[in-house]
Amino acid sequence: MEGKLGIHEGLELHELMTFKNLCVTKSTVMMGLVNDQELRSLLQQDIQAGTRSIQQIQSLIQQ
């Protein structure tokens, strides 16, 4: 049973991935509205971390 996800686990991962996609999208849109360099840097870090999280979730779903 190792390496297999239950139905509820797969649904939870899909829900988490949807949330992370929304976060990355929102941060990307906000980057265009922000003038403060420190805040832009934080948004960029958030985008990068969110993108990595999405890739990790996708790899879990594909297993």
PDB file of N, CA and C in Angstrom:
ATOM      1  N   MET A   1       0.818  -1.193   0.000  1.00  0.00           N
ATOM      2  CA  MET A   1       0.000   0.000   0.000  1.00  0.00           C
ATOM      3  C   MET A   1       0.863   1.258   0.000  1.00  0.00           C
ATOM      4  N   GLU A   2       2.147   1.087   0.156  1.00  0.00           N
ATOM      5  CA  GLU A   2       3.061   2.216   0.177  1.00  0.00           C
ATOM      6  C   GLU A   2       3.103   2.885  -1.198  1.00  0.00           C
ATOM      7  N   GLY A   3       3.072   4.223  -1.222  1.00  0.00           N
ATOM      8  CA  GLY A   3       3.124   4.946  -2.480  1.00  0.00           C
ATOM      9  C   GLY A   3       1.762   5.216  -3.091  1.00  0.00           C
ATOM     10  N   LYS A   4       0.713   4.637  -2.543  1.00  0.00           N
ATOM     11  CA  LYS A   4      -0.646   4.851  -3.050  1.00  0.00           C
ATOM     12  C   LYS A   4      -1.362   5.836  -2.128  1.00  0.00           C
ATOM     13  N   LEU A   5      -2.123   6.732  -2.742  1.00  0.00           N
ATOM     14  CA  LEU A   5      -2.908   7.682  -1.961  1.00  0.00           C
ATOM     15  C   LEU A   5      -4.348   7.217  -1.883  1.00  0.00           C
ATOM     16  N   GLY A   6      -4.952   7.439  -0.743  1.00  0.00           N
ATOM     17  CA  GLY A   6      -6.371   7.178  -0.611  1.00  0.00           C
ATOM     18  C   GLY A   6      -7.156   8.280  -1.320  1.00  0.00           C
ATOM     19  N   ILE A   7      -8.415   8.031  -1.557  1.00  0.00           N
ATOM     20  CA  ILE A   7      -9.242   9.018  -2.253  1.00  0.00           C
ATOM     21  C   ILE A   7      -9.263  10.336  -1.482  1.00  0.00           C
ATOM     22  N   HIS A   8      -9.442  10.255  -0.176  1.00  0.00           N
ATOM     23  CA  HIS A   8      -9.503  11.475   0.625  1.00  0.00           C
ATOM     24  C   HIS A   8      -8.165  12.227   0.603  1.00  0.00           C
ATOM     25  N   GLU A   9      -7.068  11.487   0.563  1.00  0.00           N
ATOM     26  CA  GLU A   9      -5.753  12.136   0.504  1.00  0.00           C
ATOM     27  C   GLU A   9      -5.558  12.851  -0.831  1.00  0.00           C
ATOM     28  N   GLY A  10      -5.987  12.214  -1.901  1.00  0.00           N
ATOM     29  CA  GLY A  10      -5.891  12.839  -3.213  1.00  0.00           C
ATOM     30  C   GLY A  10      -6.726  14.106  -3.296  1.00  0.00           C
ATOM     31  N   LEU A  11      -7.919  14.057  -2.716  1.00  0.00           N
ATOM     32  CA  LEU A  11      -8.788  15.238  -2.709  1.00  0.00           C
ATOM     33  C   LEU A  11      -8.174  16.370  -1.889  1.00  0.00           C
ATOM     34  N   GLU A  12      -7.578  16.019  -0.763  1.00  0.00           N
ATOM     35  CA  GLU A  12      -6.920  17.033   0.065  1.00  0.00           C
ATOM     36  C   GLU A  12      -5.747  17.677  -0.684  1.00  0.00           C
ATOM     37  N   LEU A  13      -4.981  16.861  -1.398  1.00  0.00           N
ATOM     38  CA  LEU A  13      -3.860  17.406  -2.166  1.00  0.00           C
ATOM     39  C   LEU A  13      -4.348  18.324  -3.280  1.00  0.00           C
ATOM     40  N   HIS A  14      -5.426  17.946  -3.943  1.00  0.00           N
ATOM     41  CA  HIS A  14      -5.989  18.799  -4.990  1.00  0.00           C
ATOM     42  C   HIS A  14      -6.476  20.126  -4.405  1.00  0.00           C
ATOM     43  N   GLU A  15      -7.101  20.057  -3.246  1.00  0.00           N
ATOM     44  CA  GLU A  15      -7.572  21.272  -2.587  1.00  0.00           C
ATOM     45  C   GLU A  15      -6.399  22.167  -2.196  1.00  0.00           C
ATOM     46  N   LEU A  16      -5.351  21.569  -1.669  1.00  0.00           N
ATOM     47  CA  LEU A  16      -4.159  22.323  -1.287  1.00  0.00           C
ATOM     48  C   LEU A  16      -3.497  22.947  -2.511  1.00  0.00           C
ATOM     49  N   MET A  17      -3.437  22.191  -3.613  1.00  0.00           N
ATOM     50  CA  MET A  17      -2.832  22.719  -4.834  1.00  0.00           C
ATOM     51  C   MET A  17      -3.656  23.887  -5.391  1.00  0.00           C
ATOM     52  N   THR A  18      -4.964  23.790  -5.313  1.00  0.00           N
ATOM     53  CA  THR A  18      -5.828  24.886  -5.760  1.00  0.00           C
ATOM     54  C   THR A  18      -5.564  26.139  -4.933  1.00  0.00           C
ATOM     55  N   PHE A  19      -5.444  25.965  -3.627  1.00  0.00           N
ATOM     56  CA  PHE A  19      -5.155  27.096  -2.744  1.00  0.00           C
ATOM     57  C   PHE A  19      -3.795  27.715  -3.070  1.00  0.00           C
ATOM     58  N   LYS A  20      -2.787  26.884  -3.263  1.00  0.00           N
ATOM     59  CA  LYS A  20      -1.446  27.388  -3.584  1.00  0.00           C
ATOM     60  C   LYS A  20      -1.445  28.120  -4.924  1.00  0.00           C
ATOM     61  N   ASN A  21      -2.186  27.597  -5.904  1.00  0.00           N
ATOM     62  CA  ASN A  21      -2.288  28.280  -7.194  1.00  0.00           C
ATOM     63  C   ASN A  21      -2.918  29.662  -7.030  1.00  0.00           C
ATOM     64  N   LEU A  22      -3.935  29.751  -6.202  1.00  0.00           N
ATOM     65  CA  LEU A  22      -4.579  31.033  -5.938  1.00  0.00           C
ATOM     66  C   LEU A  22      -3.604  32.000  -5.277  1.00  0.00           C
ATOM     67  N   CYS A  23      -2.827  31.517  -4.323  1.00  0.00           N
ATOM     68  CA  CYS A  23      -1.836  32.361  -3.642  1.00  0.00           C
ATOM     69  C   CYS A  23      -0.785  32.891  -4.608  1.00  0.00           C
ATOM     70  N   VAL A  24      -0.283  32.017  -5.472  1.00  0.00           N
ATOM     71  CA  VAL A  24       0.736  32.435  -6.447  1.00  0.00           C
ATOM     72  C   VAL A  24       0.144  33.445  -7.422  1.00  0.00           C
ATOM     73  N   THR A  25      -1.074  33.213  -7.861  1.00  0.00           N
ATOM     74  CA  THR A  25      -1.730  34.141  -8.781  1.00  0.00           C
ATOM     75  C   THR A  25      -1.927  35.505  -8.132  1.00  0.00           C
ATOM     76  N   LYS A  26      -2.393  35.509  -6.898  1.00  0.00           N
ATOM     77  CA  LYS A  26      -2.617  36.770  -6.193  1.00  0.00           C
ATOM     78  C   LYS A  26      -1.304  37.527  -5.986  1.00  0.00           C
ATOM     79  N   SER A  27      -0.260  36.846  -5.585  1.00  0.00           N
ATOM     80  CA  SER A  27       1.040  37.501  -5.388  1.00  0.00           C
ATOM     81  C   SER A  27       1.578  38.054  -6.699  1.00  0.00           C
ATOM     82  N   THR A  28       1.374  37.311  -7.784  1.00  0.00           N
ATOM     83  CA  THR A  28       1.842  37.771  -9.092  1.00  0.00           C
ATOM     84  C   THR A  28       1.113  39.043  -9.507  1.00  0.00           C
ATOM     85  N   VAL A  29      -0.190  39.090  -9.306  1.00  0.00           N
ATOM     86  CA  VAL A  29      -0.972  40.281  -9.649  1.00  0.00           C
ATOM     87  C   VAL A  29      -0.554  41.459  -8.772  1.00  0.00           C
ATOM     88  N   MET A  30      -0.351  41.210  -7.490  1.00  0.00           N
ATOM     89  CA  MET A  30       0.030  42.278  -6.567  1.00  0.00           C
ATOM     90  C   MET A  30       1.402  42.863  -6.900  1.00  0.00           C
ATOM     91  N   MET A  31       2.282  42.054  -7.483  1.00  0.00           N
ATOM     92  CA  MET A  31       3.618  42.549  -7.865  1.00  0.00           C
ATOM     93  C   MET A  31       3.500  43.749  -8.804  1.00  0.00           C
ATOM     94  N   GLY A  32       2.500  43.739  -9.666  1.00  0.00           N
ATOM     95  CA  GLY A  32       2.311  44.847 -10.599  1.00  0.00           C
ATOM     96  C   GLY A  32       1.788  46.110  -9.941  1.00  0.00           C
ATOM     97  N   LEU A  33       1.276  46.001  -8.739  1.00  0.00           N
ATOM     98  CA  LEU A  33       0.678  47.148  -8.051  1.00  0.00           C
ATOM     99  C   LEU A  33       1.566  47.738  -6.967  1.00  0.00           C
ATOM    100  N   VAL A  34       2.642  47.052  -6.623  1.00  0.00           N
ATOM    101  CA  VAL A  34       3.479  47.438  -5.489  1.00  0.00           C
ATOM    102  C   VAL A  34       4.709  48.209  -5.967  1.00  0.00           C
ATOM    103  N   ASN A  35       4.986  49.305  -5.279  1.00  0.00           N
ATOM    104  CA  ASN A  35       6.169  50.109  -5.606  1.00  0.00           C
ATOM    105  C   ASN A  35       7.320  49.883  -4.625  1.00  0.00           C
ATOM    106  N   ASP A  36       7.008  49.487  -3.409  1.00  0.00           N
ATOM    107  CA  ASP A  36       8.017  49.277  -2.377  1.00  0.00           C
ATOM    108  C   ASP A  36       8.870  48.043  -2.710  1.00  0.00           C
ATOM    109  N   GLN A  37      10.177  48.232  -2.779  1.00  0.00           N
ATOM    110  CA  GLN A  37      11.083  47.148  -3.174  1.00  0.00           C
ATOM    111  C   GLN A  37      11.116  46.015  -2.164  1.00  0.00           C
ATOM    112  N   GLU A  38      11.001  46.327  -0.890  1.00  0.00           N
ATOM    113  CA  GLU A  38      11.017  45.284   0.138  1.00  0.00           C
ATOM    114  C   GLU A  38       9.768  44.395   0.017  1.00  0.00           C
ATOM    115  N   LEU A  39       8.632  45.018  -0.216  1.00  0.00           N
ATOM    116  CA  LEU A  39       7.402  44.254  -0.390  1.00  0.00           C
ATOM    117  C   LEU A  39       7.439  43.439  -1.679  1.00  0.00           C
ATOM    118  N   ARG A  40       8.006  44.015  -2.741  1.00  0.00           N
ATOM    119  CA  ARG A  40       8.155  43.273  -4.007  1.00  0.00           C
ATOM    120  C   ARG A  40       9.036  42.040  -3.795  1.00  0.00           C
ATOM    121  N   SER A  41      10.081  42.204  -3.004  1.00  0.00           N
ATOM    122  CA  SER A  41      10.977  41.087  -2.710  1.00  0.00           C
ATOM    123  C   SER A  41      10.238  39.988  -1.944  1.00  0.00           C
ATOM    124  N   LEU A  42       9.428  40.375  -0.984  1.00  0.00           N
ATOM    125  CA  LEU A  42       8.638  39.391  -0.228  1.00  0.00           C
ATOM    126  C   LEU A  42       7.646  38.673  -1.126  1.00  0.00           C
ATOM    127  N   LEU A  43       7.005  39.415  -2.023  1.00  0.00           N
ATOM    128  CA  LEU A  43       6.068  38.796  -2.952  1.00  0.00           C
ATOM    129  C   LEU A  43       6.777  37.816  -3.878  1.00  0.00           C
ATOM    130  N   GLN A  44       7.967  38.195  -4.344  1.00  0.00           N
ATOM    131  CA  GLN A  44       8.740  37.312  -5.219  1.00  0.00           C
ATOM    132  C   GLN A  44       9.131  36.027  -4.492  1.00  0.00           C
ATOM    133  N   GLN A  45       9.529  36.158  -3.244  1.00  0.00           N
ATOM    134  CA  GLN A  45       9.862  34.975  -2.444  1.00  0.00           C
ATOM    135  C   GLN A  45       8.638  34.091  -2.252  1.00  0.00           C
ATOM    136  N   ASP A  46       7.488  34.711  -2.031  1.00  0.00           N
ATOM    137  CA  ASP A  46       6.244  33.964  -1.866  1.00  0.00           C
ATOM    138  C   ASP A  46       5.890  33.221  -3.153  1.00  0.00           C
ATOM    139  N   ILE A  47       6.082  33.861  -4.282  1.00  0.00           N
ATOM    140  CA  ILE A  47       5.803  33.230  -5.580  1.00  0.00           C
ATOM    141  C   ILE A  47       6.712  32.019  -5.784  1.00  0.00           C
ATOM    142  N   GLN A  48       7.986  32.179  -5.478  1.00  0.00           N
ATOM    143  CA  GLN A  48       8.937  31.081  -5.647  1.00  0.00           C
ATOM    144  C   GLN A  48       8.614  29.913  -4.706  1.00  0.00           C
ATOM    145  N   ALA A  49       8.310  30.218  -3.456  1.00  0.00           N
ATOM    146  CA  ALA A  49       7.979  29.160  -2.497  1.00  0.00           C
ATOM    147  C   ALA A  49       6.676  28.464  -2.888  1.00  0.00           C
ATOM    148  N   GLY A  50       5.694  29.240  -3.323  1.00  0.00           N
ATOM    149  CA  GLY A  50       4.426  28.663  -3.742  1.00  0.00           C
ATOM    150  C   GLY A  50       4.581  27.767  -4.959  1.00  0.00           C
ATOM    151  N   THR A  51       5.412  28.191  -5.898  1.00  0.00           N
ATOM    152  CA  THR A  51       5.663  27.400  -7.103  1.00  0.00           C
ATOM    153  C   THR A  51       6.339  26.080  -6.751  1.00  0.00           C
ATOM    154  N   ARG A  52       7.303  26.134  -5.836  1.00  0.00           N
ATOM    155  CA  ARG A  52       7.956  24.894  -5.384  1.00  0.00           C
ATOM    156  C   ARG A  52       6.950  23.965  -4.705  1.00  0.00           C
ATOM    157  N   SER A  53       6.076  24.534  -3.888  1.00  0.00           N
ATOM    158  CA  SER A  53       5.056  23.732  -3.206  1.00  0.00           C
ATOM    159  C   SER A  53       4.130  23.056  -4.209  1.00  0.00           C
ATOM    160  N   ILE A  54       3.724  23.797  -5.234  1.00  0.00           N
ATOM    161  CA  ILE A  54       2.847  23.239  -6.261  1.00  0.00           C
ATOM    162  C   ILE A  54       3.534  22.082  -6.972  1.00  0.00           C
ATOM    163  N   GLN A  55       4.804  22.250  -7.283  1.00  0.00           N
ATOM    164  CA  GLN A  55       5.550  21.172  -7.962  1.00  0.00           C
ATOM    165  C   GLN A  55       5.647  19.939  -7.065  1.00  0.00           C
ATOM    166  N   GLN A  56       5.865  20.131  -5.779  1.00  0.00           N
ATOM    167  CA  GLN A  56       5.939  19.002  -4.850  1.00  0.00           C
ATOM    168  C   GLN A  56       4.594  18.300  -4.727  1.00  0.00           C
ATOM    169  N   ILE A  57       3.532  19.063  -4.670  1.00  0.00           N
ATOM    170  CA  ILE A  57       2.193  18.464  -4.584  1.00  0.00           C
ATOM    171  C   ILE A  57       1.883  17.681  -5.855  1.00  0.00           C
ATOM    172  N   GLN A  58       2.230  18.255  -7.003  1.00  0.00           N
ATOM    173  CA  GLN A  58       1.999  17.558  -8.273  1.00  0.00           C
ATOM    174  C   GLN A  58       2.741  16.240  -8.313  1.00  0.00           C
ATOM    175  N   SER A  59       3.962  16.223  -7.803  1.00  0.00           N
ATOM    176  CA  SER A  59       4.728  14.962  -7.822  1.00  0.00           C
ATOM    177  C   SER A  59       4.079  13.926  -6.901  1.00  0.00           C
ATOM    178  N   LEU A  60       3.506  14.360  -5.793  1.00  0.00           N
ATOM    179  CA  LEU A  60       2.808  13.434  -4.898  1.00  0.00           C
ATOM    180  C   LEU A  60       1.549  12.869  -5.559  1.00  0.00           C
ATOM    181  N   ILE A  61       0.827  13.716  -6.275  1.00  0.00           N
ATOM    182  CA  ILE A  61      -0.400  13.282  -6.930  1.00  0.00           C
ATOM    183  C   ILE A  61      -0.097  12.286  -8.045  1.00  0.00           C
ATOM    184  N   GLN A  62       1.008  12.480  -8.752  1.00  0.00           N
ATOM    185  CA  GLN A  62       1.352  11.630  -9.889  1.00  0.00           C
ATOM    186  C   GLN A  62       1.865  10.254  -9.471  1.00  0.00           C
ATOM    187  N   GLN A  63       2.223  10.074  -8.227  1.00  0.00           N
ATOM    188  CA  GLN A  63       2.765   8.788  -7.768  1.00  0.00           C
ATOM    189  C   GLN A  63       1.716   7.727  -7.741  1.00  0.00           C
TER     190      GLN A  63
END
